[in-house]
Amino acid sequence: MNVHAYQYTPTCVCSRKIIFTLDDNDTILDLRVVGGCPGNSLGISALVKGQKREDVIKKLEGIKCGSKSTSCPDQISKALKEYNKKTEEI
């Protein structure tokens, strides 16, 4: 089984980096959020492990944090979508 790692720099949120790994079946093996609210980041990470990338995108996309236009969960969906684009270019 191959493991694919990816890093994303979020914008407009407290977190500074999103790092995740996927297997060949597009299943999230690990997700780490650097910065932001530690408890929320650990909770989200635990919930998305073992989930398919597309399912997580659908669940997290568009979530807002207060009056901000985005949130850490929304930025995770953006990171997973950006990975889609990068792999399609290859």
N, C-alpha and C. Protein backbone atom coordinates (compact mmCIF):
# COMPACT_ATOMS: atom_id res chain seq x y z
N MET A 1 0.85 -1.18 0.00
CA MET A 1 0.00 0.00 0.00
C MET A 1 0.89 1.24 0.00
N ASN A 2 0.57 2.17 -0.87
CA ASN A 2 1.28 3.44 -0.92
C ASN A 2 0.59 4.46 -0.03
N VAL A 3 1.39 5.33 0.56
CA VAL A 3 0.89 6.41 1.40
C VAL A 3 1.28 7.72 0.76
N HIS A 4 0.31 8.63 0.65
CA HIS A 4 0.53 9.92 0.02
C HIS A 4 0.37 11.01 1.08
N ALA A 5 1.38 11.84 1.23
CA ALA A 5 1.35 12.92 2.23
C ALA A 5 1.18 14.26 1.53
N TYR A 6 0.52 15.18 2.23
CA TYR A 6 0.28 16.50 1.65
C TYR A 6 0.22 17.53 2.76
N GLN A 7 0.73 18.74 2.48
CA GLN A 7 0.67 19.86 3.43
C GLN A 7 -0.05 21.02 2.77
N TYR A 8 -0.82 21.73 3.58
CA TYR A 8 -1.61 22.86 3.09
C TYR A 8 -1.48 24.00 4.10
N THR A 9 -1.36 25.21 3.60
CA THR A 9 -1.32 26.39 4.47
C THR A 9 -2.68 27.07 4.42
N PRO A 10 -3.43 27.01 5.52
CA PRO A 10 -4.77 27.61 5.54
C PRO A 10 -4.71 29.14 5.59
N THR A 11 -5.82 29.76 5.23
CA THR A 11 -5.93 31.22 5.28
C THR A 11 -7.15 31.62 6.10
N CYS A 12 -7.05 32.79 6.73
CA CYS A 12 -8.16 33.42 7.47
C CYS A 12 -8.61 32.63 8.70
N VAL A 13 -7.76 31.76 9.23
CA VAL A 13 -8.06 31.01 10.45
C VAL A 13 -6.84 31.00 11.35
N CYS A 14 -7.02 30.51 12.56
CA CYS A 14 -5.92 30.47 13.53
C CYS A 14 -4.88 29.40 13.22
N SER A 15 -5.30 28.31 12.61
CA SER A 15 -4.35 27.24 12.31
C SER A 15 -3.35 27.68 11.24
N ARG A 16 -2.14 27.12 11.32
CA ARG A 16 -1.06 27.54 10.43
C ARG A 16 -0.71 26.50 9.36
N LYS A 17 -1.07 25.26 9.59
CA LYS A 17 -0.72 24.21 8.64
C LYS A 17 -1.67 23.03 8.84
N ILE A 18 -2.02 22.39 7.72
CA ILE A 18 -2.82 21.16 7.74
C ILE A 18 -1.99 20.11 7.01
N ILE A 19 -1.76 18.99 7.69
CA ILE A 19 -0.93 17.91 7.14
C ILE A 19 -1.76 16.64 7.18
N PHE A 20 -1.85 15.94 6.04
CA PHE A 20 -2.60 14.70 6.04
C PHE A 20 -1.94 13.65 5.16
N THR A 21 -2.29 12.38 5.42
CA THR A 21 -1.84 11.28 4.59
C THR A 21 -3.05 10.48 4.15
N LEU A 22 -2.95 9.98 2.91
CA LEU A 22 -4.00 9.16 2.31
C LEU A 22 -3.40 7.86 1.81
N ASP A 23 -4.22 6.82 1.73
CA ASP A 23 -3.75 5.60 1.08
C ASP A 23 -4.22 5.58 -0.37
N ASP A 24 -3.92 4.51 -1.08
CA ASP A 24 -4.29 4.39 -2.49
C ASP A 24 -5.80 4.36 -2.72
N ASN A 25 -6.57 4.06 -1.68
CA ASN A 25 -8.02 4.01 -1.78
C ASN A 25 -8.68 5.34 -1.42
N ASP A 26 -7.87 6.40 -1.30
CA ASP A 26 -8.38 7.73 -0.96
C ASP A 26 -8.96 7.81 0.46
N THR A 27 -8.44 6.98 1.34
CA THR A 27 -8.86 6.98 2.73
C THR A 27 -7.85 7.79 3.54
N ILE A 28 -8.36 8.65 4.40
CA ILE A 28 -7.49 9.48 5.24
C ILE A 28 -6.90 8.61 6.35
N LEU A 29 -5.59 8.51 6.38
CA LEU A 29 -4.89 7.73 7.40
C LEU A 29 -4.55 8.57 8.61
N ASP A 30 -4.24 9.84 8.37
CA ASP A 30 -3.85 10.73 9.46
C ASP A 30 -4.10 12.16 9.02
N LEU A 31 -4.47 13.00 9.97
CA LEU A 31 -4.65 14.42 9.70
C LEU A 31 -4.21 15.19 10.94
N ARG A 32 -3.36 16.18 10.73
CA ARG A 32 -2.86 17.01 11.82
C ARG A 32 -3.08 18.46 11.47
N VAL A 33 -3.56 19.23 12.44
CA VAL A 33 -3.73 20.68 12.28
C VAL A 33 -2.76 21.34 13.24
N VAL A 34 -1.88 22.19 12.70
CA VAL A 34 -0.89 22.89 13.52
C VAL A 34 -1.44 24.27 13.83
N GLY A 35 -1.52 24.60 15.12
CA GLY A 35 -2.10 25.87 15.54
C GLY A 35 -3.60 25.75 15.69
N GLY A 36 -4.24 26.83 16.04
CA GLY A 36 -5.69 26.80 16.22
C GLY A 36 -6.07 26.23 17.57
N CYS A 37 -7.31 25.81 17.71
CA CYS A 37 -7.84 25.25 18.96
C CYS A 37 -7.45 23.78 19.07
N PRO A 38 -6.57 23.44 20.02
CA PRO A 38 -6.05 22.07 20.09
C PRO A 38 -7.14 21.00 20.24
N GLY A 39 -8.10 21.23 21.10
CA GLY A 39 -9.15 20.23 21.32
C GLY A 39 -9.99 20.00 20.08
N ASN A 40 -10.38 21.08 19.42
CA ASN A 40 -11.17 20.94 18.19
C ASN A 40 -10.36 20.24 17.10
N SER A 41 -9.10 20.61 16.99
CA SER A 41 -8.24 20.00 15.96
C SER A 41 -8.06 18.51 16.20
N LEU A 42 -7.84 18.12 17.45
CA LEU A 42 -7.69 16.70 17.77
C LEU A 42 -9.00 15.95 17.53
N GLY A 43 -10.13 16.58 17.87
CA GLY A 43 -11.43 15.95 17.65
C GLY A 43 -11.72 15.75 16.17
N ILE A 44 -11.49 16.78 15.38
CA ILE A 44 -11.72 16.66 13.93
C ILE A 44 -10.80 15.60 13.34
N SER A 45 -9.54 15.60 13.76
CA SER A 45 -8.58 14.62 13.26
C SER A 45 -9.06 13.19 13.55
N ALA A 46 -9.52 12.96 14.76
CA ALA A 46 -10.00 11.62 15.14
C ALA A 46 -11.23 11.22 14.32
N LEU A 47 -12.10 12.18 14.04
CA LEU A 47 -13.32 11.87 13.29
C LEU A 47 -13.08 11.58 11.81
N VAL A 48 -12.08 12.22 11.21
CA VAL A 48 -11.87 12.02 9.77
C VAL A 48 -10.98 10.82 9.45
N LYS A 49 -10.21 10.33 10.41
CA LYS A 49 -9.36 9.16 10.16
C LYS A 49 -10.23 7.98 9.75
N GLY A 50 -9.82 7.32 8.68
CA GLY A 50 -10.57 6.17 8.19
C GLY A 50 -11.69 6.53 7.23
N GLN A 51 -11.91 7.83 7.02
CA GLN A 51 -12.98 8.29 6.13
C GLN A 51 -12.43 8.54 4.72
N LYS A 52 -13.29 8.43 3.74
CA LYS A 52 -12.92 8.73 2.36
C LYS A 52 -12.79 10.24 2.19
N ARG A 53 -11.82 10.66 1.40
CA ARG A 53 -11.53 12.08 1.18
C ARG A 53 -12.77 12.84 0.71
N GLU A 54 -13.48 12.32 -0.28
CA GLU A 54 -14.66 13.02 -0.82
C GLU A 54 -15.76 13.16 0.22
N ASP A 55 -15.93 12.16 1.08
CA ASP A 55 -16.95 12.23 2.13
C ASP A 55 -16.63 13.34 3.13
N VAL A 56 -15.36 13.47 3.48
CA VAL A 56 -14.94 14.51 4.42
C VAL A 56 -15.12 15.89 3.80
N ILE A 57 -14.78 16.04 2.52
CA ILE A 57 -14.98 17.32 1.84
C ILE A 57 -16.44 17.73 1.92
N LYS A 58 -17.35 16.81 1.61
CA LYS A 58 -18.79 17.11 1.63
C LYS A 58 -19.27 17.52 3.02
N LYS A 59 -18.73 16.89 4.05
CA LYS A 59 -19.18 17.17 5.42
C LYS A 59 -18.64 18.49 5.96
N LEU A 60 -17.41 18.87 5.60
CA LEU A 60 -16.76 20.03 6.20
C LEU A 60 -16.84 21.31 5.38
N GLU A 61 -17.07 21.17 4.09
CA GLU A 61 -17.08 22.32 3.19
C GLU A 61 -18.17 23.32 3.58
N GLY A 62 -17.76 24.59 3.67
CA GLY A 62 -18.70 25.67 3.92
C GLY A 62 -18.97 25.99 5.38
N ILE A 63 -18.39 25.24 6.31
CA ILE A 63 -18.57 25.53 7.73
C ILE A 63 -17.86 26.84 8.04
N LYS A 64 -18.54 27.72 8.78
CA LYS A 64 -17.97 29.02 9.13
C LYS A 64 -17.65 29.07 10.61
N CYS A 65 -16.74 29.96 10.98
CA CYS A 65 -16.37 30.18 12.37
C CYS A 65 -16.83 31.59 12.74
N GLY A 66 -17.92 31.68 13.47
CA GLY A 66 -18.45 33.00 13.84
C GLY A 66 -18.76 33.82 12.61
N SER A 67 -18.24 35.03 12.56
CA SER A 67 -18.51 35.92 11.43
C SER A 67 -17.50 35.75 10.29
N LYS A 68 -16.52 34.86 10.47
CA LYS A 68 -15.54 34.61 9.40
C LYS A 68 -16.21 33.85 8.25
N SER A 69 -15.66 34.00 7.06
CA SER A 69 -16.21 33.32 5.90
C SER A 69 -15.73 31.88 5.78
N THR A 70 -14.87 31.44 6.69
CA THR A 70 -14.31 30.10 6.66
C THR A 70 -14.07 29.63 8.10
N SER A 71 -13.52 28.44 8.24
CA SER A 71 -13.19 27.85 9.54
C SER A 71 -12.10 26.82 9.33
N CYS A 72 -11.57 26.28 10.41
CA CYS A 72 -10.57 25.22 10.26
C CYS A 72 -11.17 24.00 9.54
N PRO A 73 -12.40 23.54 9.89
CA PRO A 73 -12.97 22.44 9.12
C PRO A 73 -13.12 22.77 7.63
N ASP A 74 -13.56 23.98 7.30
CA ASP A 74 -13.69 24.39 5.91
C ASP A 74 -12.32 24.40 5.23
N GLN A 75 -11.30 24.83 5.94
CA GLN A 75 -9.94 24.84 5.38
C GLN A 75 -9.43 23.41 5.15
N ILE A 76 -9.84 22.48 6.01
CA ILE A 76 -9.49 21.07 5.77
C ILE A 76 -10.11 20.60 4.46
N SER A 77 -11.37 20.98 4.22
CA SER A 77 -12.01 20.60 2.96
C SER A 77 -11.28 21.22 1.77
N LYS A 78 -10.82 22.46 1.94
CA LYS A 78 -10.06 23.12 0.87
C LYS A 78 -8.73 22.40 0.62
N ALA A 79 -8.08 21.97 1.70
CA ALA A 79 -6.83 21.23 1.57
C ALA A 79 -7.05 19.92 0.81
N LEU A 80 -8.12 19.21 1.15
CA LEU A 80 -8.43 17.95 0.48
C LEU A 80 -8.81 18.17 -0.97
N LYS A 81 -9.48 19.27 -1.26
CA LYS A 81 -9.83 19.60 -2.65
C LYS A 81 -8.58 19.99 -3.44
N GLU A 82 -7.68 20.76 -2.82
CA GLU A 82 -6.44 21.15 -3.49
C GLU A 82 -5.63 19.91 -3.83
N TYR A 83 -5.62 18.94 -2.93
CA TYR A 83 -4.93 17.68 -3.21
C TYR A 83 -5.54 17.03 -4.45
N ASN A 84 -6.87 17.08 -4.59
CA ASN A 84 -7.55 16.58 -5.79
C ASN A 84 -6.95 17.21 -7.04
N LYS A 85 -6.84 18.53 -7.03
CA LYS A 85 -6.34 19.25 -8.20
C LYS A 85 -4.89 18.88 -8.50
N LYS A 86 -4.07 18.77 -7.46
CA LYS A 86 -2.66 18.45 -7.65
C LYS A 86 -2.51 17.06 -8.26
N THR A 87 -3.32 16.09 -7.80
CA THR A 87 -3.19 14.74 -8.32
C THR A 87 -3.76 14.61 -9.72
N GLU A 88 -4.74 15.45 -10.07
CA GLU A 88 -5.30 15.43 -11.42
C GLU A 88 -4.33 15.99 -12.44
N GLU A 89 -3.43 16.88 -12.00
CA GLU A 89 -2.46 17.50 -12.90
C GLU A 89 -1.35 16.54 -13.29
N ILE A 90 -1.13 15.51 -12.50
CA ILE A 90 -0.01 14.59 -12.73
C ILE A 90 -0.32 13.64 -13.88
